[in-house]
Amino acid sequence: MEAWITNVMNELGYLGVFFLIMIENLFPPIPSELILTFGGFMTTISKLNVVFVILAATMGSVVGAIILYSISLYFGKERIKRFVGKYGRILRLKEEDIDKAERFFLKYGGRAVFFCRMIPLVRSLISIPAGMARMPFRQFIWLTTLGSLIWNTVLIGIGALLGESFGKAAAAVDQVSTVIYVIIGIVFIACAALFIKKRFRGAKD
């Protein structure tokens, strides 16, 4: 995948960055961490400029998010879940993923859109419940752009700062992702424990 990403960026430049990140938003299994740090690294060995790479990546993120938002707005929850149930294996998604993203959005609203843009795995999925809930488009765009800009700047910056030591950048990103996954796991376990505790108390009452 590294060779393919490098070739796309070499051949298409900023348009390649835009294209790769837009596709990553539509197909969550494609790792944005890898694409973005590669984008930063490419600024050290090509004519690509860090600022323009960040802008291209952010535009790709927003366009990809708008596509998912629009699809969800038009088709609604049940059709989306049927589609995921039929083709989810290809996208590595489950119907439960849609339900979890929806519950998270309904609980935290706009904050979910902003913060989820900086969390691996769910950064793309959050656009789906936002569309299903008919979140105001301007608010969705603003929060998506801001969250994506922060995420893209950090990862592209890592790749650019480490330059030819890209292996270190990849390792650093992997460690950051691992920490994020651990935090998500801890939060999930804590919420599950709290839910079970409340159910147990309710059963005793």
Protein backbone atom coordinates (compact mmCIF):
# COMPACT_ATOMS: atom_id res chain seq x y z
CA MET A 1 0.00 0.00 0.00
CA GLU A 2 2.91 2.35 0.75
CA ALA A 3 4.16 2.09 -2.84
CA TRP A 4 0.68 2.80 -4.22
CA ILE A 5 0.22 5.85 -1.98
CA THR A 6 3.64 7.17 -2.98
CA ASN A 7 2.91 6.69 -6.69
CA VAL A 8 -0.44 8.47 -6.45
CA MET A 9 1.11 11.45 -4.67
CA ASN A 10 4.04 11.56 -7.09
CA GLU A 11 1.79 11.43 -10.14
CA LEU A 12 -1.09 13.63 -8.99
CA GLY A 13 0.45 15.86 -6.31
CA TYR A 14 -2.12 17.73 -4.22
CA LEU A 15 -4.95 16.20 -6.23
CA GLY A 16 -3.60 12.78 -5.24
CA VAL A 17 -3.64 13.76 -1.55
CA PHE A 18 -7.21 15.00 -1.94
CA PHE A 19 -8.28 11.81 -3.72
CA LEU A 20 -6.65 9.43 -1.22
CA ILE A 21 -8.17 11.12 1.83
CA MET A 22 -11.60 11.36 0.22
CA ILE A 23 -11.50 7.61 -0.50
CA GLU A 24 -10.27 6.95 3.05
CA ASN A 25 -13.35 8.74 4.40
CA LEU A 26 -15.66 6.59 2.27
CA PHE A 27 -13.88 3.33 3.08
CA PRO A 28 -12.88 3.37 6.78
CA PRO A 29 -10.53 0.32 6.56
CA ILE A 30 -8.03 2.48 4.62
CA PRO A 31 -5.77 4.00 7.33
CA SER A 32 -5.66 7.80 7.27
CA GLU A 33 -2.69 7.68 9.64
CA LEU A 34 -0.56 6.08 6.94
CA ILE A 35 -1.74 8.37 4.14
CA LEU A 36 -1.28 11.58 6.11
CA THR A 37 2.16 10.80 7.50
CA PHE A 38 3.21 9.74 4.01
CA GLY A 39 1.91 13.08 2.77
CA GLY A 40 4.11 14.86 5.30
CA PHE A 41 7.09 12.72 4.35
CA MET A 42 6.56 13.47 0.64
CA THR A 43 7.01 17.19 1.34
CA THR A 44 10.64 16.44 2.25
CA ILE A 45 11.48 14.61 -1.00
CA SER A 46 9.26 16.38 -3.53
CA LYS A 47 7.95 19.83 -4.44
CA LEU A 48 4.84 19.35 -2.30
CA ASN A 49 4.31 22.07 0.31
CA VAL A 50 3.21 21.17 3.85
CA VAL A 51 0.49 23.84 4.04
CA PHE A 52 -1.04 22.86 0.70
CA VAL A 53 -0.88 19.16 1.58
CA ILE A 54 -2.81 19.93 4.79
CA LEU A 55 -5.38 21.96 2.84
CA ALA A 56 -5.76 19.24 0.18
CA ALA A 57 -6.18 16.56 2.84
CA THR A 58 -8.74 18.64 4.73
CA MET A 59 -10.73 19.28 1.56
CA GLY A 60 -10.67 15.54 0.82
CA SER A 61 -11.88 14.82 4.36
CA VAL A 62 -14.75 17.29 4.06
CA VAL A 63 -15.87 16.11 0.61
CA GLY A 64 -15.80 12.47 1.75
CA ALA A 65 -17.79 13.38 4.86
CA ILE A 66 -20.34 15.31 2.79
CA ILE A 67 -20.86 12.29 0.53
CA LEU A 68 -21.56 10.00 3.51
CA TYR A 69 -23.74 12.66 5.15
CA SER A 70 -25.78 13.10 1.95
CA ILE A 71 -26.20 9.36 1.39
CA SER A 72 -27.39 8.88 4.97
CA LEU A 73 -29.69 11.89 4.76
CA TYR A 74 -31.31 10.57 1.58
CA PHE A 75 -31.57 6.84 2.31
CA GLY A 76 -32.14 6.85 6.07
CA LYS A 77 -31.14 4.41 8.78
CA GLU A 78 -32.94 1.26 7.65
CA ARG A 79 -31.63 1.33 4.08
CA ILE A 80 -28.12 2.09 5.30
CA LYS A 81 -28.26 -0.86 7.70
CA ARG A 82 -29.56 -3.17 4.96
CA PHE A 83 -26.70 -2.09 2.72
CA VAL A 84 -24.15 -2.67 5.49
CA GLY A 85 -25.75 -6.02 6.27
CA LYS A 86 -25.32 -7.05 2.64
CA TYR A 87 -21.93 -5.54 1.79
CA GLY A 88 -20.46 -4.88 5.23
CA ARG A 89 -17.86 -7.62 4.90
CA ILE A 90 -16.25 -5.78 2.00
CA LEU A 91 -16.12 -2.54 4.02
CA ARG A 92 -15.37 -4.36 7.29
CA LEU A 93 -18.45 -2.83 8.85
CA LYS A 94 -21.30 -4.31 10.85
CA GLU A 95 -24.84 -3.11 11.42
CA GLU A 96 -23.87 -2.72 15.07
CA ASP A 97 -21.27 -0.14 14.04
CA ILE A 98 -24.04 2.05 12.63
CA ASP A 99 -26.08 1.69 15.83
CA LYS A 100 -23.08 2.56 18.02
CA ALA A 101 -22.23 5.62 15.94
CA GLU A 102 -25.86 6.75 16.08
CA ARG A 103 -26.08 6.36 19.86
CA PHE A 104 -22.82 8.28 20.28
CA PHE A 105 -24.09 11.09 18.04
CA LEU A 106 -27.47 11.30 19.76
CA LYS A 107 -25.74 11.50 23.14
CA TYR A 108 -23.09 14.10 22.29
CA GLY A 109 -24.48 15.87 19.21
CA GLY A 110 -22.13 18.35 17.55
CA ARG A 111 -19.30 17.50 19.91
CA ALA A 112 -19.34 13.95 18.55
CA VAL A 113 -18.77 15.18 14.99
CA PHE A 114 -15.84 17.35 16.07
CA PHE A 115 -14.04 14.89 18.34
CA CYS A 116 -14.72 11.79 16.25
CA ARG A 117 -12.90 13.39 13.31
CA MET A 118 -9.74 12.86 15.39
CA ILE A 119 -10.43 9.25 16.40
CA PRO A 120 -9.34 6.34 14.17
CA LEU A 121 -12.04 4.00 12.87
CA VAL A 122 -15.02 6.20 13.81
CA ARG A 123 -13.82 9.41 12.12
CA SER A 124 -15.66 8.45 8.94
CA LEU A 125 -18.64 6.67 10.49
CA ILE A 126 -19.78 9.72 12.46
CA SER A 127 -20.99 11.34 9.22
CA ILE A 128 -23.64 8.62 8.88
CA PRO A 129 -25.69 9.33 12.04
CA ALA A 130 -25.23 13.07 11.45
CA GLY A 131 -26.97 12.65 8.11
CA MET A 132 -29.64 10.31 9.47
CA ALA A 133 -30.43 12.81 12.24
CA ARG A 134 -30.56 15.65 9.70
CA MET A 135 -27.94 17.67 11.54
CA PRO A 136 -27.84 21.26 10.18
CA PHE A 137 -25.52 21.18 7.17
CA ARG A 138 -23.56 24.32 8.08
CA GLN A 139 -22.89 23.06 11.58
CA PHE A 140 -21.83 19.67 10.21
CA ILE A 141 -19.41 21.25 7.71
CA TRP A 142 -17.89 23.60 10.29
CA LEU A 143 -17.27 20.91 12.92
CA THR A 144 -16.06 18.38 10.33
CA THR A 145 -13.62 20.89 8.82
CA LEU A 146 -12.22 21.96 12.18
CA GLY A 147 -11.77 18.41 13.50
CA SER A 148 -10.26 17.20 10.22
CA LEU A 149 -7.89 20.17 10.04
CA ILE A 150 -6.48 19.41 13.49
CA TRP A 151 -6.09 15.68 12.76
CA ASN A 152 -4.50 16.26 9.36
CA THR A 153 -2.12 18.95 10.63
CA VAL A 154 -0.79 16.75 13.45
CA LEU A 155 -0.17 13.67 11.30
CA ILE A 156 1.21 15.50 8.28
CA GLY A 157 3.40 17.50 10.63
CA ILE A 158 4.82 14.28 12.11
CA GLY A 159 5.75 13.01 8.67
CA ALA A 160 7.29 16.33 7.63
CA LEU A 161 9.28 16.88 10.83
CA LEU A 162 10.87 13.45 10.80
CA GLY A 163 11.56 13.63 7.06
CA GLU A 164 13.73 10.79 5.88
CA SER A 165 13.33 9.05 9.23
CA PHE A 166 9.88 8.08 8.09
CA GLY A 167 10.11 4.71 9.78
CA LYS A 168 10.20 6.57 13.09
CA ALA A 169 7.16 8.58 12.05
CA ALA A 170 5.24 5.43 11.21
CA ALA A 171 6.21 3.91 14.55
CA ALA A 172 5.17 7.10 16.38
CA VAL A 173 1.81 7.16 14.63
CA ASP A 174 1.31 3.49 15.40
CA GLN A 175 1.96 4.18 19.09
CA VAL A 176 -0.48 7.10 19.07
CA SER A 177 -3.12 4.93 17.40
CA THR A 178 -2.52 2.16 19.94
CA VAL A 179 -2.99 4.61 22.81
CA ILE A 180 -6.22 5.87 21.24
CA TYR A 181 -7.51 2.30 20.78
CA VAL A 182 -6.68 1.51 24.42
CA ILE A 183 -8.51 4.63 25.60
CA ILE A 184 -11.54 3.73 23.48
CA GLY A 185 -11.46 0.21 24.94
CA ILE A 186 -11.25 1.49 28.52
CA VAL A 187 -14.14 3.92 27.96
CA PHE A 188 -16.23 1.14 26.39
CA ILE A 189 -15.52 -1.25 29.28
CA ALA A 190 -16.30 1.47 31.84
CA CYS A 191 -19.61 2.30 30.13
CA ALA A 192 -20.50 -1.40 29.90
CA ALA A 193 -19.69 -1.90 33.61
CA LEU A 194 -21.80 1.14 34.54
CA PHE A 195 -24.69 -0.13 32.42
CA ILE A 196 -24.55 -3.59 33.99
CA LYS A 197 -24.35 -2.05 37.47
CA LYS A 198 -27.47 0.05 36.83
CA ARG A 199 -29.35 -2.94 35.42
CA PHE A 200 -28.36 -5.02 38.45
CA ARG A 201 -29.56 -2.33 40.84
CA GLY A 202 -32.80 -2.00 38.91
CA ALA A 203 -33.39 -5.74 39.10
CA LYS A 204 -32.87 -5.71 42.87
CA ASP A 205 -35.32 -2.83 43.33
